Amino acid sequence: MKRIFSFLVLCYAIVSSLSGGVVQAAEKPFEGEHVKMGVVGDEYAEIWEYVADKALEEEGIELEVVLMTDYVLPNQALMDGSIDMNAFQHDVFMNNWNKENDGDIVAIAYTVAVPTRIYSEKYQSLDELPQGAKIAMNNVPASLSNSLITLSEEGLFTLPDEEDHLFTPKDIVDNPKNIEIVELDPSYIPSAVSDVDAAFIDDSFLASTNFEPKDAIYVYGDTPETLRMPYVNNIAVKEEDKDTPLYQKIVELYQTDDVAAKIEEVTKGGSIPAWELVAESKELNP
């Protein structure tokens, strides 16, 4: 009888050990997987490197962060399979890129909201801008349109009342201060600040200036009430991959309190963790 009991105990121990192994394996179903994430800007690369360390430690996922130098490469690389995901753009930019390049890139989650900020070495507010003031703007169509809408809403000039339209300076119909729009590649704007009266500087390139977010002479889009949903940055993949569990796990690893704290730390408040802000905004504007 003792022998039978001992045998049963041994069997139970073996089964428990094996089942424990199954449970342990199930806890890290993506262990050994490799994912390439394309980003733009040193600050965002630093944030994603933090997520990569977390992914490896907690899930055994090797998340390779690929730093790119402009806003064209990440979508091209996503479409040709050089990377698996990217995190650098908002929905307006993405949709326009898809239209112009016959792409099928979709957003699967949101990362940060980057409020519109205008900086100046010469003035403390938009009201101080003189006649003929030069204002530098990102020349990427979606960003250029957003900047023009911002100045229009602040009364510096007038734009036509059109929806779903990407505005250019040619669309300005009334410009009492004769504001001159200087269109530049976003990476060049920081070096041009001293040559203009004010500049829209993308948060990705703010580190190359002497400005911090708190130095902006104008800020919009930093609350649920003012959030411009189409301009919230996203995590994007090819449409065929939108439900891929591995990529959803990357989203889960990103949208956490510790990553939110890292975003605040690295960007000095320039970028705002967006997932809760988006939820609050949707409640206000269902």
Protein backbone atom coordinates (compact mmCIF):
# COMPACT_ATOMS: atom_id res chain seq x y z
CA MET A 1 0.00 0.00 0.00
CA LYS A 2 2.88 2.33 0.85
CA ARG A 3 4.48 1.56 -2.49
CA ILE A 4 1.25 2.41 -4.32
CA PHE A 5 0.92 5.67 -2.38
CA SER A 6 4.53 6.60 -3.13
CA PHE A 7 3.99 5.85 -6.80
CA LEU A 8 0.91 8.07 -6.89
CA VAL A 9 2.80 10.87 -5.16
CA LEU A 10 5.59 10.54 -7.70
CA CYS A 11 3.10 10.61 -10.59
CA TYR A 12 1.44 13.69 -9.14
CA ALA A 13 4.80 15.40 -8.77
CA ILE A 14 5.69 14.64 -12.37
CA VAL A 15 2.32 15.84 -13.67
CA SER A 16 2.51 18.98 -11.53
CA SER A 17 6.00 19.67 -12.78
CA LEU A 18 4.93 19.21 -16.39
CA SER A 19 1.78 21.28 -16.00
CA GLY A 20 3.79 23.92 -14.22
CA GLY A 21 6.06 24.04 -17.22
CA VAL A 22 3.06 24.48 -19.48
CA VAL A 23 1.72 27.30 -17.35
CA GLN A 24 5.12 28.96 -17.26
CA ALA A 25 5.43 28.71 -21.04
CA ALA A 26 1.95 30.09 -21.48
CA GLU A 27 2.91 33.14 -19.43
CA LYS A 28 5.41 34.14 -22.14
CA PRO A 29 3.77 33.02 -25.38
CA PHE A 30 5.87 35.43 -27.45
CA GLU A 31 9.27 34.56 -26.00
CA GLY A 32 11.93 34.64 -28.71
CA GLU A 33 9.87 36.77 -31.10
CA HIS A 34 11.61 39.68 -32.85
CA VAL A 35 9.83 42.91 -33.77
CA LYS A 36 11.25 45.97 -35.55
CA MET A 37 9.73 49.30 -34.53
CA GLY A 38 10.45 52.41 -36.64
CA VAL A 39 10.54 55.79 -34.87
CA VAL A 40 11.62 59.37 -35.60
CA GLY A 41 13.43 61.57 -33.08
CA ASP A 42 15.99 60.78 -30.39
CA GLU A 43 13.53 61.34 -27.54
CA TYR A 44 11.01 58.87 -28.92
CA ALA A 45 13.79 56.38 -29.59
CA GLU A 46 14.79 56.65 -25.93
CA ILE A 47 11.21 55.98 -24.82
CA TRP A 48 10.91 52.97 -27.11
CA GLU A 49 14.28 51.63 -25.93
CA TYR A 50 12.77 51.66 -22.44
CA VAL A 51 9.79 49.69 -23.77
CA ALA A 52 12.20 47.32 -25.51
CA ASP A 53 14.00 46.55 -22.24
CA LYS A 54 10.66 45.96 -20.61
CA ALA A 55 9.48 43.69 -23.45
CA LEU A 56 12.59 41.54 -23.21
CA GLU A 57 12.50 41.27 -19.43
CA GLU A 58 8.78 40.66 -19.01
CA GLU A 59 7.82 38.81 -22.19
CA GLY A 60 11.06 37.62 -23.81
CA ILE A 61 10.29 39.74 -26.90
CA GLU A 62 13.22 41.29 -28.73
CA LEU A 63 11.93 44.71 -29.73
CA GLU A 64 14.43 46.38 -32.05
CA VAL A 65 14.07 50.16 -32.21
CA VAL A 66 14.97 51.56 -35.63
CA LEU A 67 15.66 55.31 -35.54
CA MET A 68 14.83 57.07 -38.82
CA THR A 69 15.78 60.55 -39.92
CA ASP A 70 12.62 61.84 -41.58
CA TYR A 71 8.86 61.34 -41.85
CA VAL A 72 8.95 59.54 -45.20
CA LEU A 73 11.06 56.50 -44.39
CA PRO A 74 8.99 54.84 -41.63
CA ASN A 75 5.93 54.19 -43.81
CA GLN A 76 8.02 53.12 -46.78
CA ALA A 77 9.91 50.69 -44.55
CA LEU A 78 6.65 49.37 -43.10
CA MET A 79 5.20 48.72 -46.53
CA ASP A 80 8.32 46.96 -47.86
CA GLY A 81 8.69 44.82 -44.74
CA SER A 82 11.93 46.38 -43.47
CA ILE A 83 10.14 47.05 -40.18
CA ASP A 84 7.03 45.53 -38.58
CA MET A 85 5.51 48.57 -36.85
CA ASN A 86 6.10 52.28 -36.60
CA ALA A 87 5.27 54.99 -34.08
CA PHE A 88 5.86 58.52 -35.34
CA GLN A 89 2.74 59.84 -37.10
CA HIS A 90 -0.84 60.93 -36.53
CA ASP A 91 -3.92 59.71 -38.37
CA VAL A 92 -4.10 62.66 -40.78
CA PHE A 93 -0.53 62.11 -41.94
CA MET A 94 -1.08 58.36 -42.20
CA ASN A 95 -4.30 58.63 -44.20
CA ASN A 96 -2.79 61.16 -46.58
CA TRP A 97 0.30 58.98 -47.06
CA ASN A 98 -1.90 55.97 -47.80
CA LYS A 99 -3.81 57.96 -50.41
CA GLU A 100 -0.69 59.24 -52.15
CA ASN A 101 1.22 55.96 -52.01
CA ASP A 102 -1.54 53.37 -52.39
CA GLY A 103 -0.75 52.18 -48.86
CA ASP A 104 -2.77 50.14 -46.40
CA ILE A 105 -1.30 51.29 -43.11
CA VAL A 106 -3.65 51.45 -40.11
CA ALA A 107 -3.43 52.65 -36.52
CA ILE A 108 -3.82 50.03 -33.81
CA ALA A 109 -3.29 52.27 -30.77
CA TYR A 110 -2.34 55.76 -29.66
CA THR A 111 0.93 56.82 -28.07
CA VAL A 112 1.27 60.52 -27.36
CA ALA A 113 -0.54 63.75 -27.95
CA VAL A 114 1.83 66.50 -29.01
CA PRO A 115 0.15 69.84 -28.45
CA THR A 116 0.66 72.48 -31.09
CA ARG A 117 3.42 74.74 -29.81
CA ILE A 118 4.85 77.90 -31.30
CA TYR A 119 8.23 79.24 -30.22
CA SER A 120 9.97 82.57 -30.69
CA GLU A 121 13.27 84.17 -29.74
CA LYS A 122 11.79 87.65 -30.24
CA TYR A 123 8.23 87.69 -28.92
CA GLN A 124 6.24 86.48 -25.94
CA SER A 125 2.84 85.98 -27.58
CA LEU A 126 1.15 85.79 -30.98
CA ASP A 127 -0.36 89.22 -30.33
CA GLU A 128 3.10 90.76 -30.44
CA LEU A 129 3.87 89.52 -33.96
CA PRO A 130 4.48 92.51 -36.25
CA GLN A 131 3.28 93.27 -39.77
CA GLY A 132 4.96 90.94 -42.24
CA ALA A 133 5.99 88.48 -39.55
CA LYS A 134 7.66 85.33 -40.81
CA ILE A 135 6.43 82.08 -39.29
CA ALA A 136 8.22 78.78 -39.99
CA MET A 137 6.06 75.68 -40.44
CA ASN A 138 6.60 71.99 -41.07
CA ASN A 139 6.22 71.50 -44.84
CA VAL A 140 4.66 68.03 -44.53
CA PRO A 141 1.14 68.61 -45.97
CA ALA A 142 -0.84 67.36 -42.96
CA SER A 143 1.27 69.28 -40.46
CA LEU A 144 1.31 72.41 -42.63
CA SER A 145 -2.48 72.34 -42.84
CA ASN A 146 -2.83 71.90 -39.08
CA SER A 147 -0.49 74.85 -38.43
CA LEU A 148 -2.43 77.07 -40.81
CA ILE A 149 -5.71 76.10 -39.16
CA THR A 150 -4.20 76.97 -35.78
CA LEU A 151 -3.23 80.49 -36.87
CA SER A 152 -6.58 80.93 -38.58
CA GLU A 153 -8.42 80.00 -35.40
CA GLU A 154 -6.30 82.56 -33.52
CA GLY A 155 -7.40 85.24 -35.98
CA LEU A 156 -4.09 85.93 -37.73
CA PHE A 157 -5.68 85.25 -41.12
CA THR A 158 -8.69 83.54 -42.70
CA LEU A 159 -9.06 80.19 -44.43
CA PRO A 160 -12.01 78.90 -46.46
CA ASP A 161 -14.67 76.99 -44.55
CA GLU A 162 -13.84 73.54 -45.93
CA GLU A 163 -13.74 70.17 -44.21
CA ASP A 164 -11.32 67.31 -44.96
CA HIS A 165 -9.09 69.68 -46.88
CA LEU A 166 -5.32 70.01 -46.54
CA PHE A 167 -4.70 73.75 -46.57
CA THR A 168 -1.63 75.46 -48.00
CA PRO A 169 -0.62 79.14 -47.80
CA LYS A 170 -2.30 79.64 -51.18
CA ASP A 171 -5.65 79.04 -49.45
CA ILE A 172 -5.32 82.11 -47.23
CA VAL A 173 -8.07 84.54 -48.24
CA ASP A 174 -7.57 87.39 -45.77
CA ASN A 175 -4.21 88.23 -44.22
CA PRO A 176 -4.38 91.65 -42.51
CA LYS A 177 -0.90 91.35 -40.97
CA ASN A 178 0.63 90.01 -44.18
CA ILE A 179 1.94 87.00 -42.31
CA GLU A 180 4.59 85.21 -44.38
CA ILE A 181 4.62 81.43 -44.12
CA VAL A 182 8.06 79.85 -44.40
CA GLU A 183 7.71 76.16 -45.27
CA LEU A 184 10.63 74.02 -44.14
CA ASP A 185 11.56 70.42 -43.56
CA PRO A 186 10.80 69.92 -39.84
CA SER A 187 14.42 68.97 -39.12
CA TYR A 188 15.59 72.35 -40.48
CA ILE A 189 13.22 74.53 -38.47
CA PRO A 190 15.29 74.59 -35.24
CA SER A 191 18.28 76.10 -37.07
CA ALA A 192 16.02 78.69 -38.72
CA VAL A 193 14.39 80.04 -35.55
CA SER A 194 16.66 83.11 -35.39
CA ASP A 195 15.78 84.00 -38.99
CA VAL A 196 12.01 84.07 -38.44
CA ASP A 197 9.67 85.72 -35.98
CA ALA A 198 8.06 82.50 -34.74
CA ALA A 199 8.17 78.80 -35.52
CA PHE A 200 6.13 75.65 -35.13
CA ILE A 201 8.74 73.20 -33.85
CA ASP A 202 7.91 69.51 -33.79
CA ASP A 203 8.59 67.92 -30.44
CA SER A 204 10.80 65.34 -32.18
CA PHE A 205 13.32 68.08 -32.98
CA LEU A 206 13.01 70.31 -29.93
CA ALA A 207 16.09 68.75 -28.34
CA SER A 208 18.25 70.44 -30.96
CA THR A 209 17.15 73.88 -29.74
CA ASN A 210 17.54 75.82 -26.51
CA PHE A 211 13.77 75.67 -25.98
CA GLU A 212 11.81 73.50 -23.61
CA PRO A 213 8.05 72.92 -24.00
CA LYS A 214 7.37 75.42 -21.25
CA ASP A 215 8.99 78.15 -23.38
CA ALA A 216 6.29 78.02 -26.07
CA ILE A 217 4.49 81.32 -26.68
CA TYR A 218 1.38 79.40 -27.74
CA VAL A 219 0.02 75.96 -26.78
CA TYR A 220 -3.11 74.14 -27.95
CA GLY A 221 -4.28 70.55 -27.63
CA ASP A 222 -3.07 69.65 -24.16
CA THR A 223 -6.48 68.93 -22.58
CA PRO A 224 -9.38 66.55 -23.36
CA GLU A 225 -11.42 69.59 -24.40
CA THR A 226 -8.86 70.83 -26.94
CA LEU A 227 -7.45 67.50 -28.09
CA ARG A 228 -7.45 67.12 -31.85
CA MET A 229 -8.01 63.40 -32.22
CA PRO A 230 -6.88 63.12 -35.84
CA TYR A 231 -3.51 64.56 -34.77
CA VAL A 232 -2.77 62.20 -31.89
CA ASN A 233 0.28 60.05 -32.62
CA ASN A 234 -0.31 56.38 -33.21
CA ILE A 235 1.25 52.94 -33.45
CA ALA A 236 0.76 51.72 -37.01
CA VAL A 237 1.03 48.43 -38.89
CA LYS A 238 -0.03 47.09 -42.26
CA GLU A 239 -3.76 46.36 -42.31
CA GLU A 240 -3.22 42.62 -42.60
CA ASP A 241 -1.35 42.73 -39.28
CA LYS A 242 -3.77 44.84 -37.25
CA ASP A 243 -5.07 41.93 -35.15
CA THR A 244 -1.69 40.22 -34.67
CA PRO A 245 -1.49 39.21 -30.97
CA LEU A 246 2.25 39.91 -30.83
CA TYR A 247 1.74 43.51 -31.93
CA GLN A 248 -1.17 43.93 -29.53
CA LYS A 249 1.19 42.80 -26.77
CA ILE A 250 3.61 45.59 -27.75
CA VAL A 251 0.73 48.05 -27.38
CA GLU A 252 -0.08 46.60 -23.96
CA LEU A 253 3.54 46.99 -22.85
CA TYR A 254 3.57 50.60 -24.04
CA GLN A 255 0.29 51.85 -22.58
CA THR A 256 1.28 51.61 -18.93
CA ASP A 257 1.89 54.02 -16.06
CA ASP A 258 5.65 53.51 -16.05
CA VAL A 259 5.92 54.30 -19.76
CA ALA A 260 3.72 57.35 -19.22
CA ALA A 261 6.18 58.53 -16.57
CA LYS A 262 9.06 57.89 -18.98
CA ILE A 263 7.35 59.98 -21.67
CA GLU A 264 6.92 62.87 -19.23
CA GLU A 265 10.54 62.57 -18.09
CA VAL A 266 12.18 62.32 -21.51
CA THR A 267 10.09 64.95 -23.30
CA LYS A 268 9.96 67.28 -20.27
CA GLY A 269 6.20 67.42 -20.66
CA GLY A 270 6.36 68.12 -24.37
CA SER A 271 4.46 64.96 -25.22
CA ILE A 272 1.45 63.79 -23.25
CA PRO A 273 0.62 60.08 -22.80
CA ALA A 274 -2.43 59.81 -25.02
CA TRP A 275 -4.40 56.69 -24.23
CA GLU A 276 -6.26 58.09 -21.20
CA LEU A 277 -6.50 61.55 -22.77
CA VAL A 278 -8.13 60.00 -25.85
CA ALA A 279 -10.64 58.11 -23.69
CA GLU A 280 -11.54 61.30 -21.81
CA SER A 281 -11.90 63.26 -25.03
CA LYS A 282 -14.21 60.60 -26.51
CA GLU A 283 -16.40 60.83 -23.42
CA LEU A 284 -16.71 64.58 -23.96
CA ASN A 285 -17.31 64.17 -27.70
CA PRO A 286 -19.00 60.78 -28.21
